[in-house]
Amino acid sequence: MTQPHDETAASQAPTPKELREHVEQTRQELGKTVEALADKADVKARAQDKATEVKEQAAVKAGELRAKAVEAASRVQDKLPDPVKDKATQAAGQVREKAAQAGQMIQDKAPEPVRAQAAHGARLARDNRPLLLAAAGAGVVLWLLRRRKG
């Protein structure tokens, strides 16, 4: 009577090959678990990843805001009455004239490193002229609106 029971138990016992496969699968699962725990414990790497993610999101948001600002400034300029546009043009001309005078005075009196830095700033301003003009136009509009309310 004990023999049939022993045969059933023997047929249900895993083979050495099955045991090796089970051990290998357990090792792989354990390796993945240890790796996941190590990743969670690496605070510096997680912080760097988060910082990179936030930096990318900020860059995207800055680009969106810049585009909206340019669009808003353009709309404001389109709605400006002609006398306001004329005043803004005159003011811009006066600013350019005064800037040229100041630039000449700086060139005459400033040391070479300061002149080089000023030239670099002027190049940046020229390269971003539409944005600067839009910002100046928006500033004039805001100034005029505040002046009317006051």
N, C-alpha and C. Protein backbone atom coordinates (compact mmCIF):
# COMPACT_ATOMS: atom_id res chain seq x y z
N MET A 1 0.79 -1.18 0.00
CA MET A 1 0.00 0.00 0.00
C MET A 1 0.85 1.27 0.00
N THR A 2 2.00 1.19 0.54
CA THR A 2 2.83 2.39 0.58
C THR A 2 3.48 2.66 -0.76
N GLN A 3 3.66 1.67 -1.57
CA GLN A 3 4.30 1.88 -2.86
C GLN A 3 3.51 2.77 -3.80
N PRO A 4 2.21 2.57 -3.97
CA PRO A 4 1.49 3.47 -4.88
C PRO A 4 1.57 4.93 -4.41
N HIS A 5 1.53 5.11 -3.11
CA HIS A 5 1.62 6.47 -2.59
C HIS A 5 3.00 7.07 -2.87
N ASP A 6 4.06 6.29 -2.73
CA ASP A 6 5.41 6.74 -3.00
C ASP A 6 5.58 7.08 -4.48
N GLU A 7 4.99 6.32 -5.37
CA GLU A 7 5.09 6.61 -6.80
C GLU A 7 4.41 7.94 -7.13
N THR A 8 3.28 8.22 -6.50
CA THR A 8 2.57 9.47 -6.74
C THR A 8 3.41 10.64 -6.23
N ALA A 9 4.00 10.50 -5.06
CA ALA A 9 4.84 11.55 -4.50
C ALA A 9 6.08 11.76 -5.36
N ALA A 10 6.65 10.70 -5.86
CA ALA A 10 7.83 10.79 -6.71
C ALA A 10 7.50 11.46 -8.03
N SER A 11 6.32 11.19 -8.59
CA SER A 11 5.96 11.80 -9.86
C SER A 11 5.63 13.28 -9.69
N GLN A 12 5.27 13.73 -8.48
CA GLN A 12 4.96 15.13 -8.24
C GLN A 12 6.20 15.93 -7.86
N ALA A 13 7.25 15.30 -7.43
CA ALA A 13 8.47 16.01 -7.04
C ALA A 13 9.12 16.62 -8.29
N PRO A 14 9.62 17.87 -8.17
CA PRO A 14 10.23 18.50 -9.34
C PRO A 14 11.54 17.81 -9.73
N THR A 15 11.80 17.86 -11.02
CA THR A 15 13.03 17.26 -11.51
C THR A 15 14.18 18.22 -11.24
N PRO A 16 15.42 17.74 -11.30
CA PRO A 16 16.55 18.65 -11.10
C PRO A 16 16.54 19.82 -12.11
N LYS A 17 16.14 19.55 -13.33
CA LYS A 17 16.08 20.60 -14.33
C LYS A 17 15.05 21.67 -13.93
N GLU A 18 13.87 21.23 -13.46
CA GLU A 18 12.84 22.16 -13.02
C GLU A 18 13.33 22.97 -11.82
N LEU A 19 14.04 22.30 -10.91
CA LEU A 19 14.58 23.01 -9.75
C LEU A 19 15.59 24.09 -10.19
N ARG A 20 16.47 23.75 -11.15
CA ARG A 20 17.45 24.73 -11.64
C ARG A 20 16.74 25.92 -12.29
N GLU A 21 15.71 25.64 -13.10
CA GLU A 21 14.96 26.72 -13.75
C GLU A 21 14.29 27.60 -12.71
N HIS A 22 13.73 26.98 -11.68
CA HIS A 22 13.07 27.74 -10.62
C HIS A 22 14.08 28.61 -9.88
N VAL A 23 15.25 28.07 -9.60
CA VAL A 23 16.31 28.82 -8.92
C VAL A 23 16.75 29.99 -9.79
N GLU A 24 16.94 29.75 -11.09
CA GLU A 24 17.36 30.82 -12.00
C GLU A 24 16.30 31.92 -12.08
N GLN A 25 15.03 31.55 -12.16
CA GLN A 25 13.95 32.53 -12.20
C GLN A 25 13.92 33.34 -10.90
N THR A 26 14.11 32.68 -9.79
CA THR A 26 14.14 33.38 -8.50
C THR A 26 15.31 34.34 -8.43
N ARG A 27 16.47 33.94 -8.95
CA ARG A 27 17.64 34.82 -8.97
C ARG A 27 17.36 36.08 -9.80
N GLN A 28 16.75 35.90 -10.96
CA GLN A 28 16.44 37.05 -11.82
C GLN A 28 15.47 38.00 -11.13
N GLU A 29 14.44 37.46 -10.50
CA GLU A 29 13.47 38.29 -9.79
C GLU A 29 14.14 39.02 -8.63
N LEU A 30 15.00 38.32 -7.92
CA LEU A 30 15.71 38.93 -6.81
C LEU A 30 16.64 40.04 -7.31
N GLY A 31 17.32 39.80 -8.44
CA GLY A 31 18.19 40.81 -9.03
C GLY A 31 17.41 42.07 -9.41
N LYS A 32 16.24 41.88 -10.00
CA LYS A 32 15.41 43.03 -10.38
C LYS A 32 14.95 43.79 -9.13
N THR A 33 14.60 43.04 -8.10
CA THR A 33 14.15 43.68 -6.86
C THR A 33 15.27 44.48 -6.22
N VAL A 34 16.47 43.89 -6.18
CA VAL A 34 17.62 44.58 -5.60
C VAL A 34 17.94 45.84 -6.42
N GLU A 35 17.87 45.74 -7.74
CA GLU A 35 18.13 46.89 -8.60
C GLU A 35 17.11 48.00 -8.37
N ALA A 36 15.84 47.63 -8.25
CA ALA A 36 14.80 48.63 -7.99
C ALA A 36 15.02 49.31 -6.64
N LEU A 37 15.40 48.53 -5.63
CA LEU A 37 15.67 49.10 -4.31
C LEU A 37 16.89 50.02 -4.36
N ALA A 38 17.90 49.63 -5.09
CA ALA A 38 19.10 50.46 -5.22
C ALA A 38 18.75 51.78 -5.90
N ASP A 39 17.90 51.74 -6.94
CA ASP A 39 17.48 52.96 -7.63
C ASP A 39 16.72 53.88 -6.68
N LYS A 40 15.86 53.29 -5.85
CA LYS A 40 15.10 54.10 -4.89
C LYS A 40 16.01 54.69 -3.82
N ALA A 41 17.05 53.98 -3.48
CA ALA A 41 17.96 54.44 -2.43
C ALA A 41 18.94 55.48 -2.95
N ASP A 42 19.12 55.57 -4.26
CA ASP A 42 20.06 56.53 -4.85
C ASP A 42 19.40 57.90 -4.95
N VAL A 43 19.40 58.62 -3.83
CA VAL A 43 18.72 59.91 -3.74
C VAL A 43 19.34 60.93 -4.68
N LYS A 44 20.66 60.93 -4.78
CA LYS A 44 21.34 61.91 -5.63
C LYS A 44 20.91 61.75 -7.10
N ALA A 45 20.88 60.52 -7.58
CA ALA A 45 20.48 60.28 -8.97
C ALA A 45 19.02 60.67 -9.18
N ARG A 46 18.17 60.34 -8.21
CA ARG A 46 16.75 60.70 -8.34
C ARG A 46 16.59 62.22 -8.35
N ALA A 47 17.36 62.90 -7.51
CA ALA A 47 17.28 64.36 -7.47
C ALA A 47 17.76 64.97 -8.79
N GLN A 48 18.83 64.41 -9.35
CA GLN A 48 19.32 64.90 -10.63
C GLN A 48 18.30 64.67 -11.74
N ASP A 49 17.67 63.50 -11.73
CA ASP A 49 16.64 63.21 -12.72
C ASP A 49 15.49 64.21 -12.61
N LYS A 50 15.07 64.47 -11.38
CA LYS A 50 13.97 65.40 -11.15
C LYS A 50 14.37 66.81 -11.57
N ALA A 51 15.60 67.20 -11.26
CA ALA A 51 16.08 68.53 -11.64
C ALA A 51 16.10 68.68 -13.16
N THR A 52 16.55 67.66 -13.86
CA THR A 52 16.57 67.69 -15.32
C THR A 52 15.15 67.81 -15.87
N GLU A 53 14.24 67.05 -15.29
CA GLU A 53 12.85 67.09 -15.72
C GLU A 53 12.25 68.49 -15.50
N VAL A 54 12.49 69.06 -14.34
CA VAL A 54 11.96 70.39 -14.03
C VAL A 54 12.58 71.44 -14.95
N LYS A 55 13.88 71.29 -15.23
CA LYS A 55 14.56 72.24 -16.11
C LYS A 55 13.95 72.19 -17.51
N GLU A 56 13.69 70.99 -18.01
CA GLU A 56 13.09 70.86 -19.34
C GLU A 56 11.69 71.46 -19.36
N GLN A 57 10.91 71.22 -18.30
CA GLN A 57 9.56 71.78 -18.23
C GLN A 57 9.63 73.31 -18.19
N ALA A 58 10.59 73.85 -17.46
CA ALA A 58 10.73 75.30 -17.36
C ALA A 58 11.11 75.90 -18.72
N ALA A 59 11.97 75.22 -19.45
CA ALA A 59 12.37 75.71 -20.77
C ALA A 59 11.18 75.74 -21.71
N VAL A 60 10.37 74.70 -21.66
CA VAL A 60 9.18 74.64 -22.52
C VAL A 60 8.21 75.76 -22.14
N LYS A 61 8.01 75.94 -20.84
CA LYS A 61 7.09 76.97 -20.36
C LYS A 61 7.60 78.36 -20.72
N ALA A 62 8.91 78.57 -20.61
CA ALA A 62 9.49 79.87 -20.97
C ALA A 62 9.27 80.15 -22.45
N GLY A 63 9.44 79.15 -23.27
CA GLY A 63 9.20 79.33 -24.71
C GLY A 63 7.75 79.68 -25.00
N GLU A 64 6.84 79.01 -24.30
CA GLU A 64 5.42 79.30 -24.49
C GLU A 64 5.10 80.73 -24.05
N LEU A 65 5.64 81.12 -22.88
CA LEU A 65 5.39 82.47 -22.37
C LEU A 65 5.99 83.53 -23.29
N ARG A 66 7.17 83.26 -23.82
CA ARG A 66 7.81 84.21 -24.73
C ARG A 66 6.94 84.40 -25.97
N ALA A 67 6.43 83.30 -26.51
CA ALA A 67 5.58 83.39 -27.70
C ALA A 67 4.30 84.16 -27.39
N LYS A 68 3.71 83.91 -26.22
CA LYS A 68 2.50 84.63 -25.83
C LYS A 68 2.79 86.12 -25.66
N ALA A 69 3.93 86.46 -25.08
CA ALA A 69 4.28 87.87 -24.87
C ALA A 69 4.45 88.58 -26.21
N VAL A 70 5.11 87.94 -27.15
CA VAL A 70 5.30 88.54 -28.47
C VAL A 70 3.95 88.73 -29.15
N GLU A 71 3.10 87.73 -29.04
CA GLU A 71 1.77 87.81 -29.65
C GLU A 71 0.95 88.93 -29.01
N ALA A 72 0.99 89.02 -27.68
CA ALA A 72 0.23 90.06 -26.98
C ALA A 72 0.75 91.44 -27.34
N ALA A 73 2.07 91.59 -27.39
CA ALA A 73 2.65 92.88 -27.75
C ALA A 73 2.25 93.26 -29.17
N SER A 74 2.21 92.29 -30.05
CA SER A 74 1.82 92.57 -31.43
C SER A 74 0.36 93.02 -31.49
N ARG A 75 -0.50 92.34 -30.72
CA ARG A 75 -1.91 92.73 -30.70
C ARG A 75 -2.07 94.13 -30.13
N VAL A 76 -1.32 94.44 -29.08
CA VAL A 76 -1.39 95.77 -28.47
C VAL A 76 -0.94 96.81 -29.47
N GLN A 77 0.15 96.55 -30.17
CA GLN A 77 0.65 97.52 -31.15
C GLN A 77 -0.37 97.73 -32.27
N ASP A 78 -1.05 96.66 -32.66
CA ASP A 78 -2.05 96.78 -33.72
C ASP A 78 -3.22 97.66 -33.28
N LYS A 79 -3.53 97.64 -31.99
CA LYS A 79 -4.68 98.40 -31.48
C LYS A 79 -4.32 99.83 -31.08
N LEU A 80 -3.05 100.16 -31.07
CA LEU A 80 -2.64 101.50 -30.67
C LEU A 80 -3.13 102.54 -31.67
N PRO A 81 -3.63 103.66 -31.16
CA PRO A 81 -3.99 104.75 -32.09
C PRO A 81 -2.72 105.36 -32.69
N ASP A 82 -2.88 105.98 -33.84
CA ASP A 82 -1.73 106.55 -34.54
C ASP A 82 -0.96 107.59 -33.72
N PRO A 83 -1.63 108.47 -32.98
CA PRO A 83 -0.85 109.43 -32.18
C PRO A 83 0.07 108.74 -31.16
N VAL A 84 -0.40 107.66 -30.60
CA VAL A 84 0.43 106.93 -29.63
C VAL A 84 1.61 106.28 -30.34
N LYS A 85 1.35 105.72 -31.50
CA LYS A 85 2.44 105.13 -32.27
C LYS A 85 3.48 106.19 -32.65
N ASP A 86 2.98 107.37 -33.02
CA ASP A 86 3.90 108.46 -33.37
C ASP A 86 4.75 108.86 -32.18
N LYS A 87 4.12 108.96 -31.00
CA LYS A 87 4.87 109.32 -29.79
C LYS A 87 5.90 108.25 -29.47
N ALA A 88 5.51 106.99 -29.62
CA ALA A 88 6.43 105.89 -29.36
C ALA A 88 7.60 105.93 -30.33
N THR A 89 7.32 106.24 -31.58
CA THR A 89 8.39 106.34 -32.58
C THR A 89 9.33 107.48 -32.24
N GLN A 90 8.75 108.62 -31.83
CA GLN A 90 9.59 109.76 -31.43
C GLN A 90 10.44 109.40 -30.21
N ALA A 91 9.80 108.75 -29.24
CA ALA A 91 10.53 108.37 -28.02
C ALA A 91 11.65 107.40 -28.37
N ALA A 92 11.36 106.47 -29.25
CA ALA A 92 12.39 105.51 -29.66
C ALA A 92 13.55 106.22 -30.35
N GLY A 93 13.22 107.21 -31.19
CA GLY A 93 14.27 107.99 -31.85
C GLY A 93 15.12 108.75 -30.86
N GLN A 94 14.46 109.34 -29.86
CA GLN A 94 15.20 110.06 -28.83
C GLN A 94 16.09 109.11 -28.03
N VAL A 95 15.56 107.96 -27.73
CA VAL A 95 16.35 106.96 -26.98
C VAL A 95 17.56 106.54 -27.81
N ARG A 96 17.35 106.30 -29.09
CA ARG A 96 18.46 105.91 -29.96
C ARG A 96 19.53 107.01 -30.00
N GLU A 97 19.07 108.25 -30.11
CA GLU A 97 20.00 109.38 -30.17
C GLU A 97 20.81 109.48 -28.86
N LYS A 98 20.13 109.41 -27.74
CA LYS A 98 20.81 109.48 -26.44
C LYS A 98 21.73 108.28 -26.25
N ALA A 99 21.29 107.11 -26.71
CA ALA A 99 22.14 105.92 -26.59
C ALA A 99 23.40 106.07 -27.44
N ALA A 100 23.24 106.66 -28.62
CA ALA A 100 24.41 106.88 -29.48
C ALA A 100 25.38 107.85 -28.82
N GLN A 101 24.82 108.91 -28.22
CA GLN A 101 25.68 109.87 -27.53
C GLN A 101 26.40 109.21 -26.35
N ALA A 102 25.66 108.44 -25.57
CA ALA A 102 26.26 107.75 -24.43
C ALA A 102 27.30 106.75 -24.90
N GLY A 103 26.99 106.06 -25.99
CA GLY A 103 27.94 105.09 -26.54
C GLY A 103 29.22 105.75 -26.98
N GLN A 104 29.10 106.90 -27.61
CA GLN A 104 30.28 107.62 -28.04
C GLN A 104 31.11 108.07 -26.84
N MET A 105 30.43 108.57 -25.81
CA MET A 105 31.14 109.01 -24.62
C MET A 105 31.85 107.82 -23.95
N ILE A 106 31.17 106.68 -23.91
CA ILE A 106 31.78 105.49 -23.31
C ILE A 106 32.99 105.05 -24.14
N GLN A 107 32.84 105.08 -25.46
CA GLN A 107 33.98 104.68 -26.31
C GLN A 107 35.17 105.58 -26.08
N ASP A 108 34.90 106.85 -25.89
CA ASP A 108 36.00 107.80 -25.70
C ASP A 108 36.70 107.60 -24.35
N LYS A 109 35.96 107.22 -23.32
CA LYS A 109 36.52 107.22 -21.97
C LYS A 109 36.71 105.83 -21.36
N ALA A 110 36.09 104.82 -21.89
CA ALA A 110 36.12 103.49 -21.26
C ALA A 110 37.36 102.70 -21.68
N PRO A 111 37.86 101.85 -20.77
CA PRO A 111 38.96 100.96 -21.14
C PRO A 111 38.49 99.88 -22.13
N GLU A 112 39.42 99.23 -22.77
CA GLU A 112 39.12 98.26 -23.82
C GLU A 112 38.19 97.12 -23.36
N PRO A 113 38.43 96.48 -22.19
CA PRO A 113 37.52 95.38 -21.80
C PRO A 113 36.07 95.83 -21.66
N VAL A 114 35.86 97.03 -21.16
CA VAL A 114 34.51 97.55 -21.01
C VAL A 114 33.89 97.80 -22.38
N ARG A 115 34.68 98.33 -23.30
CA ARG A 115 34.17 98.57 -24.66
C ARG A 115 33.78 97.26 -25.34
N ALA A 116 34.58 96.23 -25.15
CA ALA A 116 34.28 94.92 -25.75
C ALA A 116 32.97 94.38 -25.19
N GLN A 117 32.77 94.51 -23.89
CA GLN A 117 31.54 94.03 -23.26
C GLN A 117 30.33 94.81 -23.77
N ALA A 118 30.49 96.11 -23.93
CA ALA A 118 29.41 96.95 -24.44
C ALA A 118 29.06 96.56 -25.88
N ALA A 119 30.07 96.30 -26.68
CA ALA A 119 29.82 95.89 -28.06
C ALA A 119 29.06 94.57 -28.10
N HIS A 120 29.41 93.68 -27.21
CA HIS A 120 28.71 92.38 -27.15
C HIS A 120 27.24 92.60 -26.77
N GLY A 121 26.98 93.47 -25.79
CA GLY A 121 25.60 93.78 -25.40
C GLY A 121 24.82 94.41 -26.54
N ALA A 122 25.46 95.28 -27.29
CA ALA A 122 24.79 95.91 -28.43
C ALA A 122 24.44 94.89 -29.50
N ARG A 123 25.35 93.95 -29.74
CA ARG A 123 25.07 92.88 -30.71
C ARG A 123 23.86 92.06 -30.28
N LEU A 124 23.80 91.72 -29.00
CA LEU A 124 22.65 90.96 -28.49
C LEU A 124 21.36 91.74 -28.67
N ALA A 125 21.39 93.03 -28.39
CA ALA A 125 20.20 93.86 -28.55
C ALA A 125 19.76 93.90 -30.01
N ARG A 126 20.74 94.03 -30.93
CA ARG A 126 20.40 94.04 -32.36
C ARG A 126 19.81 92.71 -32.78
N ASP A 127 20.35 91.63 -32.28
CA ASP A 127 19.87 90.30 -32.67
C ASP A 127 18.45 90.04 -32.15
N ASN A 128 18.07 90.69 -31.05
CA ASN A 128 16.75 90.49 -30.46
C ASN A 128 15.87 91.73 -30.61
N ARG A 129 16.06 92.46 -31.66
CA ARG A 129 15.35 93.72 -31.87
C ARG A 129 13.83 93.57 -31.85
N PRO A 130 13.22 92.60 -32.56
CA PRO A 130 11.75 92.52 -32.54
C PRO A 130 11.20 92.32 -31.12
N LEU A 131 11.85 91.48 -30.35
CA LEU A 131 11.39 91.24 -28.99
C LEU A 131 11.54 92.51 -28.13
N LEU A 132 12.66 93.21 -28.29
CA LEU A 132 12.88 94.44 -27.54
C LEU A 132 11.86 95.50 -27.93
N LEU A 133 11.58 95.61 -29.23
CA LEU A 133 10.60 96.60 -29.68
C LEU A 133 9.21 96.26 -29.16
N ALA A 134 8.87 94.99 -29.17
CA ALA A 134 7.57 94.57 -28.65
C ALA A 134 7.46 94.89 -27.17
N ALA A 135 8.52 94.62 -26.43
CA ALA A 135 8.51 94.92 -24.99
C ALA A 135 8.42 96.42 -24.76
N ALA A 136 9.13 97.20 -25.55
CA ALA A 136 9.08 98.66 -25.41
C ALA A 136 7.67 99.17 -25.73
N GLY A 137 7.08 98.62 -26.78
CA GLY A 137 5.72 99.02 -27.14
C GLY A 137 4.73 98.69 -26.03
N ALA A 138 4.88 97.52 -25.46
CA ALA A 138 3.99 97.12 -24.35
C ALA A 138 4.22 98.04 -23.16
N GLY A 139 5.46 98.41 -22.91
CA GLY A 139 5.76 99.32 -21.81
C GLY A 139 5.12 100.68 -22.01
N VAL A 140 5.19 101.20 -23.23
CA VAL A 140 4.58 102.49 -23.53
C VAL A 140 3.07 102.42 -23.34
N VAL A 141 2.47 101.33 -23.80
CA VAL A 141 1.01 101.17 -23.66
C VAL A 141 0.64 101.14 -22.18
N LEU A 142 1.37 100.36 -21.39
CA LEU A 142 1.09 100.29 -19.96
C LEU A 142 1.26 101.66 -19.31
N TRP A 143 2.30 102.40 -19.69
CA TRP A 143 2.54 103.73 -19.15
C TRP A 143 1.37 104.66 -19.50
N LEU A 144 0.92 104.59 -20.75
CA LEU A 144 -0.18 105.45 -21.16
C LEU A 144 -1.48 105.09 -20.45
N LEU A 145 -1.72 103.79 -20.28
CA LEU A 145 -2.94 103.37 -19.59
C LEU A 145 -2.92 103.83 -18.13
N ARG A 146 -1.78 103.71 -17.48
CA ARG A 146 -1.67 104.14 -16.08
C ARG A 146 -1.81 105.65 -15.98
N ARG A 147 -1.30 106.33 -16.96
CA ARG A 147 -1.37 107.79 -16.96
C ARG A 147 -2.81 108.28 -17.12
N ARG A 148 -3.59 107.58 -17.96
CA ARG A 148 -5.00 107.95 -18.17
C ARG A 148 -5.82 107.71 -16.92
N LYS A 149 -5.54 106.59 -16.23
CA LYS A 149 -6.30 106.25 -15.03
C LYS A 149 -6.01 107.23 -13.89
N GLY A 150 -4.80 107.74 -13.81
CA GLY A 150 -4.36 108.57 -12.70
C GLY A 150 -4.86 109.96 -12.72
